[in-house]
Amino acid sequence: MEGRDLAAPAHLLSERGALVHRAASRIAPSAHGSVQHAGHLPAGKYYPSHIPMTPNSDTLISEFENLINSE
């Protein structure tokens, strides 16, 4: 089987390209360039998890670590 057999038909590719271009033109130039991305997390900094933790989760974690380390 040749690679060209797996490619999408040309009319589908041109439609997709037009859709992407149209969507990109809707983004305001000021909004597009003003997106700020977060850098690396500083070492030693704690960021809370989105996973809800029970009040005694520290105890459960330490018991789990003790179980792993005892093997």
PDB file of N, CA and C in Angstrom:
ATOM      1  N   MET A   1       0.848  -1.185   0.000  1.00  0.00           N
ATOM      2  CA  MET A   1       0.000   0.000   0.000  1.00  0.00           C
ATOM      3  C   MET A   1       0.891   1.245   0.000  1.00  0.00           C
ATOM      4  N   GLU A   2       0.537   2.197  -0.795  1.00  0.00           N
ATOM      5  CA  GLU A   2       1.329   3.414  -0.896  1.00  0.00           C
ATOM      6  C   GLU A   2       0.775   4.491   0.019  1.00  0.00           C
ATOM      7  N   GLY A   3       1.633   5.455   0.390  1.00  0.00           N
ATOM      8  CA  GLY A   3       1.231   6.529   1.281  1.00  0.00           C
ATOM      9  C   GLY A   3       0.102   7.371   0.737  1.00  0.00           C
ATOM     10  N   ARG A   4       0.069   7.559  -0.559  1.00  0.00           N
ATOM     11  CA  ARG A   4      -0.979   8.413  -1.136  1.00  0.00           C
ATOM     12  C   ARG A   4      -2.358   7.776  -1.000  1.00  0.00           C
ATOM     13  N   ASP A   5      -2.417   6.453  -0.813  1.00  0.00           N
ATOM     14  CA  ASP A   5      -3.704   5.789  -0.625  1.00  0.00           C
ATOM     15  C   ASP A   5      -4.335   6.163   0.717  1.00  0.00           C
ATOM     16  N   LEU A   6      -3.515   6.573   1.686  1.00  0.00           N
ATOM     17  CA  LEU A   6      -4.002   6.883   3.022  1.00  0.00           C
ATOM     18  C   LEU A   6      -4.364   8.353   3.199  1.00  0.00           C
ATOM     19  N   ALA A   7      -4.014   9.182   2.255  1.00  0.00           N
ATOM     20  CA  ALA A   7      -4.256  10.619   2.394  1.00  0.00           C
ATOM     21  C   ALA A   7      -5.734  10.938   2.212  1.00  0.00           C
ATOM     22  N   ALA A   8      -6.168  12.007   2.873  1.00  0.00           N
ATOM     23  CA  ALA A   8      -7.551  12.461   2.718  1.00  0.00           C
ATOM     24  C   ALA A   8      -7.736  13.060   1.329  1.00  0.00           C
ATOM     25  N   PRO A   9      -8.942  12.976   0.776  1.00  0.00           N
ATOM     26  CA  PRO A   9      -9.201  13.582  -0.532  1.00  0.00           C
ATOM     27  C   PRO A   9      -8.919  15.084  -0.504  1.00  0.00           C
ATOM     28  N   ALA A  10      -8.475  15.609  -1.620  1.00  0.00           N
ATOM     29  CA  ALA A  10      -8.062  17.015  -1.702  1.00  0.00           C
ATOM     30  C   ALA A  10      -9.188  17.967  -1.323  1.00  0.00           C
ATOM     31  N   HIS A  11     -10.425  17.667  -1.684  1.00  0.00           N
ATOM     32  CA  HIS A  11     -11.525  18.592  -1.379  1.00  0.00           C
ATOM     33  C   HIS A  11     -11.764  18.686   0.128  1.00  0.00           C
ATOM     34  N   LEU A  12     -11.514  17.603   0.867  1.00  0.00           N
ATOM     35  CA  LEU A  12     -11.660  17.665   2.323  1.00  0.00           C
ATOM     36  C   LEU A  12     -10.554  18.510   2.947  1.00  0.00           C
ATOM     37  N   LEU A  13      -9.350  18.373   2.416  1.00  0.00           N
ATOM     38  CA  LEU A  13      -8.230  19.146   2.953  1.00  0.00           C
ATOM     39  C   LEU A  13      -8.430  20.637   2.719  1.00  0.00           C
ATOM     40  N   SER A  14      -8.926  21.006   1.544  1.00  0.00           N
ATOM     41  CA  SER A  14      -9.117  22.430   1.258  1.00  0.00           C
ATOM     42  C   SER A  14     -10.243  23.009   2.107  1.00  0.00           C
ATOM     43  N   GLU A  15     -11.293  22.215   2.380  1.00  0.00           N
ATOM     44  CA  GLU A  15     -12.376  22.688   3.251  1.00  0.00           C
ATOM     45  C   GLU A  15     -11.867  22.915   4.664  1.00  0.00           C
ATOM     46  N   ARG A  16     -11.061  21.989   5.152  1.00  0.00           N
ATOM     47  CA  ARG A  16     -10.520  22.115   6.506  1.00  0.00           C
ATOM     48  C   ARG A  16      -9.632  23.345   6.611  1.00  0.00           C
ATOM     49  N   GLY A  17      -8.809  23.574   5.604  1.00  0.00           N
ATOM     50  CA  GLY A  17      -7.939  24.744   5.610  1.00  0.00           C
ATOM     51  C   GLY A  17      -8.728  26.035   5.648  1.00  0.00           C
ATOM     52  N   ALA A  18      -9.829  26.080   4.918  1.00  0.00           N
ATOM     53  CA  ALA A  18     -10.670  27.279   4.909  1.00  0.00           C
ATOM     54  C   ALA A  18     -11.323  27.489   6.269  1.00  0.00           C
ATOM     55  N   LEU A  19     -11.752  26.409   6.918  1.00  0.00           N
ATOM     56  CA  LEU A  19     -12.376  26.522   8.240  1.00  0.00           C
ATOM     57  C   LEU A  19     -11.388  27.033   9.276  1.00  0.00           C
ATOM     58  N   VAL A  20     -10.170  26.517   9.236  1.00  0.00           N
ATOM     59  CA  VAL A  20      -9.142  26.950  10.188  1.00  0.00           C
ATOM     60  C   VAL A  20      -8.816  28.419   9.972  1.00  0.00           C
ATOM     61  N   HIS A  21      -8.697  28.821   8.721  1.00  0.00           N
ATOM     62  CA  HIS A  21      -8.379  30.216   8.418  1.00  0.00           C
ATOM     63  C   HIS A  21      -9.502  31.133   8.886  1.00  0.00           C
ATOM     64  N   ARG A  22     -10.737  30.725   8.661  1.00  0.00           N
ATOM     65  CA  ARG A  22     -11.885  31.530   9.068  1.00  0.00           C
ATOM     66  C   ARG A  22     -11.936  31.657  10.592  1.00  0.00           C
ATOM     67  N   ALA A  23     -11.670  30.569  11.306  1.00  0.00           N
ATOM     68  CA  ALA A  23     -11.687  30.607  12.769  1.00  0.00           C
ATOM     69  C   ALA A  23     -10.565  31.491  13.296  1.00  0.00           C
ATOM     70  N   ALA A  24      -9.397  31.419  12.689  1.00  0.00           N
ATOM     71  CA  ALA A  24      -8.267  32.230  13.136  1.00  0.00           C
ATOM     72  C   ALA A  24      -8.523  33.709  12.899  1.00  0.00           C
ATOM     73  N   SER A  25      -9.260  34.037  11.848  1.00  0.00           N
ATOM     74  CA  SER A  25      -9.521  35.445  11.558  1.00  0.00           C
ATOM     75  C   SER A  25     -10.498  36.059  12.551  1.00  0.00           C
ATOM     76  N   ARG A  26     -11.253  35.224  13.283  1.00  0.00           N
ATOM     77  CA  ARG A  26     -12.196  35.739  14.276  1.00  0.00           C
ATOM     78  C   ARG A  26     -11.507  36.178  15.561  1.00  0.00           C
ATOM     79  N   ILE A  27     -10.306  35.685  15.799  1.00  0.00           N
ATOM     80  CA  ILE A  27      -9.589  36.036  17.024  1.00  0.00           C
ATOM     81  C   ILE A  27      -9.040  37.445  16.875  1.00  0.00           C
ATOM     82  N   ALA A  28      -9.356  38.301  17.832  1.00  0.00           N
ATOM     83  CA  ALA A  28      -8.852  39.675  17.784  1.00  0.00           C
ATOM     84  C   ALA A  28      -7.336  39.654  17.927  1.00  0.00           C
ATOM     85  N   PRO A  29      -6.613  40.449  17.130  1.00  0.00           N
ATOM     86  CA  PRO A  29      -5.151  40.449  17.216  1.00  0.00           C
ATOM     87  C   PRO A  29      -4.645  40.745  18.626  1.00  0.00           C
ATOM     88  N   SER A  30      -5.304  41.654  19.345  1.00  0.00           N
ATOM     89  CA  SER A  30      -4.840  41.973  20.694  1.00  0.00           C
ATOM     90  C   SER A  30      -5.057  40.800  21.633  1.00  0.00           C
ATOM     91  N   ALA A  31      -6.147  40.068  21.466  1.00  0.00           N
ATOM     92  CA  ALA A  31      -6.427  38.928  22.344  1.00  0.00           C
ATOM     93  C   ALA A  31      -5.492  37.771  22.051  1.00  0.00           C
ATOM     94  N   HIS A  32      -5.161  37.595  20.793  1.00  0.00           N
ATOM     95  CA  HIS A  32      -4.321  36.465  20.416  1.00  0.00           C
ATOM     96  C   HIS A  32      -2.913  36.617  20.967  1.00  0.00           C
ATOM     97  N   GLY A  33      -2.358  37.801  20.936  1.00  0.00           N
ATOM     98  CA  GLY A  33      -0.980  38.001  21.375  1.00  0.00           C
ATOM     99  C   GLY A  33      -0.824  38.219  22.860  1.00  0.00           C
ATOM    100  N   SER A  34      -1.932  38.471  23.563  1.00  0.00           N
ATOM    101  CA  SER A  34      -1.812  38.800  24.976  1.00  0.00           C
ATOM    102  C   SER A  34      -1.914  37.594  25.893  1.00  0.00           C
ATOM    103  N   VAL A  35      -2.005  36.406  25.342  1.00  0.00           N
ATOM    104  CA  VAL A  35      -2.107  35.212  26.183  1.00  0.00           C
ATOM    105  C   VAL A  35      -0.776  34.993  26.882  1.00  0.00           C
ATOM    106  N   GLN A  36      -0.829  34.894  28.200  1.00  0.00           N
ATOM    107  CA  GLN A  36       0.388  34.661  28.971  1.00  0.00           C
ATOM    108  C   GLN A  36       0.405  33.216  29.432  1.00  0.00           C
ATOM    109  N   HIS A  37       1.499  32.547  29.161  1.00  0.00           N
ATOM    110  CA  HIS A  37       1.641  31.156  29.559  1.00  0.00           C
ATOM    111  C   HIS A  37       2.434  31.088  30.851  1.00  0.00           C
ATOM    112  N   ALA A  38       2.016  30.196  31.735  1.00  0.00           N
ATOM    113  CA  ALA A  38       2.719  30.036  33.010  1.00  0.00           C
ATOM    114  C   ALA A  38       4.089  29.430  32.764  1.00  0.00           C
ATOM    115  N   GLY A  39       5.075  29.909  33.499  1.00  0.00           N
ATOM    116  CA  GLY A  39       6.419  29.356  33.402  1.00  0.00           C
ATOM    117  C   GLY A  39       6.528  28.097  34.236  1.00  0.00           C
ATOM    118  N   HIS A  40       7.755  27.678  34.481  1.00  0.00           N
ATOM    119  CA  HIS A  40       7.971  26.504  35.313  1.00  0.00           C
ATOM    120  C   HIS A  40       7.601  26.821  36.750  1.00  0.00           C
ATOM    121  N   LEU A  41       7.134  25.823  37.461  1.00  0.00           N
ATOM    122  CA  LEU A  41       6.775  26.025  38.858  1.00  0.00           C
ATOM    123  C   LEU A  41       8.043  26.222  39.680  1.00  0.00           C
ATOM    124  N   PRO A  42       8.056  27.190  40.585  1.00  0.00           N
ATOM    125  CA  PRO A  42       9.242  27.396  41.404  1.00  0.00           C
ATOM    126  C   PRO A  42       9.486  26.208  42.326  1.00  0.00           C
ATOM    127  N   ALA A  43      10.750  25.871  42.536  1.00  0.00           N
ATOM    128  CA  ALA A  43      11.105  24.735  43.380  1.00  0.00           C
ATOM    129  C   ALA A  43      10.652  24.981  44.806  1.00  0.00           C
ATOM    130  N   GLY A  44      10.105  23.960  45.432  1.00  0.00           N
ATOM    131  CA  GLY A  44       9.688  24.065  46.818  1.00  0.00           C
ATOM    132  C   GLY A  44       8.341  24.717  47.030  1.00  0.00           C
ATOM    133  N   LYS A  45       7.674  25.092  45.978  1.00  0.00           N
ATOM    134  CA  LYS A  45       6.384  25.761  46.096  1.00  0.00           C
ATOM    135  C   LYS A  45       5.286  24.706  46.037  1.00  0.00           C
ATOM    136  N   TYR A  46       4.308  24.812  46.891  1.00  0.00           N
ATOM    137  CA  TYR A  46       3.215  23.848  46.920  1.00  0.00           C
ATOM    138  C   TYR A  46       1.988  24.430  46.238  1.00  0.00           C
ATOM    139  N   TYR A  47       1.474  23.714  45.280  1.00  0.00           N
ATOM    140  CA  TYR A  47       0.241  24.100  44.619  1.00  0.00           C
ATOM    141  C   TYR A  47      -0.811  23.050  44.949  1.00  0.00           C
ATOM    142  N   PRO A  48      -1.951  23.449  45.508  1.00  0.00           N
ATOM    143  CA  PRO A  48      -2.952  22.467  45.932  1.00  0.00           C
ATOM    144  C   PRO A  48      -3.507  21.677  44.752  1.00  0.00           C
ATOM    145  N   SER A  49      -3.857  20.447  45.039  1.00  0.00           N
ATOM    146  CA  SER A  49      -4.415  19.564  44.029  1.00  0.00           C
ATOM    147  C   SER A  49      -5.900  19.842  43.862  1.00  0.00           C
ATOM    148  N   HIS A  50      -6.440  19.490  42.700  1.00  0.00           N
ATOM    149  CA  HIS A  50      -7.872  19.595  42.474  1.00  0.00           C
ATOM    150  C   HIS A  50      -8.594  18.367  43.021  1.00  0.00           C
ATOM    151  N   ILE A  51      -7.818  17.370  43.458  1.00  0.00           N
ATOM    152  CA  ILE A  51      -8.408  16.160  44.008  1.00  0.00           C
ATOM    153  C   ILE A  51      -8.783  16.424  45.462  1.00  0.00           C
ATOM    154  N   PRO A  52     -10.030  16.196  45.832  1.00  0.00           N
ATOM    155  CA  PRO A  52     -10.411  16.446  47.225  1.00  0.00           C
ATOM    156  C   PRO A  52      -9.695  15.478  48.165  1.00  0.00           C
ATOM    157  N   MET A  53      -9.152  16.006  49.229  1.00  0.00           N
ATOM    158  CA  MET A  53      -8.428  15.190  50.196  1.00  0.00           C
ATOM    159  C   MET A  53      -9.192  15.184  51.511  1.00  0.00           C
ATOM    160  N   THR A  54      -9.241  14.041  52.153  1.00  0.00           N
ATOM    161  CA  THR A  54      -9.903  13.947  53.449  1.00  0.00           C
ATOM    162  C   THR A  54      -8.996  14.545  54.515  1.00  0.00           C
ATOM    163  N   PRO A  55      -9.547  14.963  55.658  1.00  0.00           N
ATOM    164  CA  PRO A  55      -8.715  15.566  56.710  1.00  0.00           C
ATOM    165  C   PRO A  55      -7.599  14.653  57.198  1.00  0.00           C
ATOM    166  N   ASN A  56      -7.805  13.334  57.168  1.00  0.00           N
ATOM    167  CA  ASN A  56      -6.769  12.425  57.651  1.00  0.00           C
ATOM    168  C   ASN A  56      -5.942  11.839  56.518  1.00  0.00           C
ATOM    169  N   SER A  57      -5.906  12.504  55.378  1.00  0.00           N
ATOM    170  CA  SER A  57      -5.183  11.968  54.230  1.00  0.00           C
ATOM    171  C   SER A  57      -3.687  11.889  54.494  1.00  0.00           C
ATOM    172  N   ASP A  58      -3.138  12.801  55.319  1.00  0.00           N
ATOM    173  CA  ASP A  58      -1.712  12.738  55.638  1.00  0.00           C
ATOM    174  C   ASP A  58      -1.391  11.442  56.369  1.00  0.00           C
ATOM    175  N   THR A  59      -2.273  11.034  57.258  1.00  0.00           N
ATOM    176  CA  THR A  59      -2.074   9.782  57.983  1.00  0.00           C
ATOM    177  C   THR A  59      -2.123   8.606  57.024  1.00  0.00           C
ATOM    178  N   LEU A  60      -3.080   8.622  56.116  1.00  0.00           N
ATOM    179  CA  LEU A  60      -3.192   7.539  55.149  1.00  0.00           C
ATOM    180  C   LEU A  60      -1.965   7.473  54.252  1.00  0.00           C
ATOM    181  N   ILE A  61      -1.471   8.619  53.845  1.00  0.00           N
ATOM    182  CA  ILE A  61      -0.289   8.659  52.978  1.00  0.00           C
ATOM    183  C   ILE A  61       0.922   8.115  53.716  1.00  0.00           C
ATOM    184  N   SER A  62       1.121   8.533  54.967  1.00  0.00           N
ATOM    185  CA  SER A  62       2.288   8.055  55.714  1.00  0.00           C
ATOM    186  C   SER A  62       2.181   6.555  55.976  1.00  0.00           C
ATOM    187  N   GLU A  63       0.974   6.045  56.243  1.00  0.00           N
ATOM    188  CA  GLU A  63       0.807   4.603  56.427  1.00  0.00           C
ATOM    189  C   GLU A  63       1.118   3.858  55.134  1.00  0.00           C
ATOM    190  N   PHE A  64       0.703   4.412  54.014  1.00  0.00           N
ATOM    191  CA  PHE A  64       0.984   3.791  52.723  1.00  0.00           C
ATOM    192  C   PHE A  64       2.488   3.782  52.446  1.00  0.00           C
ATOM    193  N   GLU A  65       3.160   4.900  52.738  1.00  0.00           N
ATOM    194  CA  GLU A  65       4.609   4.969  52.536  1.00  0.00           C
ATOM    195  C   GLU A  65       5.324   3.969  53.428  1.00  0.00           C
ATOM    196  N   ASN A  66       4.867   3.832  54.678  1.00  0.00           N
ATOM    197  CA  ASN A  66       5.471   2.853  55.585  1.00  0.00           C
ATOM    198  C   ASN A  66       5.286   1.440  55.056  1.00  0.00           C
ATOM    199  N   LEU A  67       4.127   1.156  54.503  1.00  0.00           N
ATOM    200  CA  LEU A  67       3.854  -0.161  53.944  1.00  0.00           C
ATOM    201  C   LEU A  67       4.785  -0.449  52.773  1.00  0.00           C
ATOM    202  N   ILE A  68       4.976   0.527  51.907  1.00  0.00           N
ATOM    203  CA  ILE A  68       5.852   0.349  50.741  1.00  0.00           C
ATOM    204  C   ILE A  68       7.301   0.174  51.180  1.00  0.00           C
ATOM    205  N   ASN A  69       7.747   0.996  52.124  1.00  0.00           N
ATOM    206  CA  ASN A  69       9.142   0.951  52.561  1.00  0.00           C
ATOM    207  C   ASN A  69       9.469  -0.293  53.365  1.00  0.00           C
ATOM    208  N   SER A  70       8.483  -0.933  53.967  1.00  0.00           N
ATOM    209  CA  SER A  70       8.754  -2.111  54.789  1.00  0.00           C
ATOM    210  C   SER A  70       8.969  -3.364  53.943  1.00  0.00           C
ATOM    211  N   GLU A  71       8.595  -3.326  52.687  1.00  0.00           N
ATOM    212  CA  GLU A  71       8.747  -4.512  51.823  1.00  0.00           C
ATOM    213  C   GLU A  71      10.152  -4.703  51.357  1.00  0.00           C
TER     214      GLU A  71
END
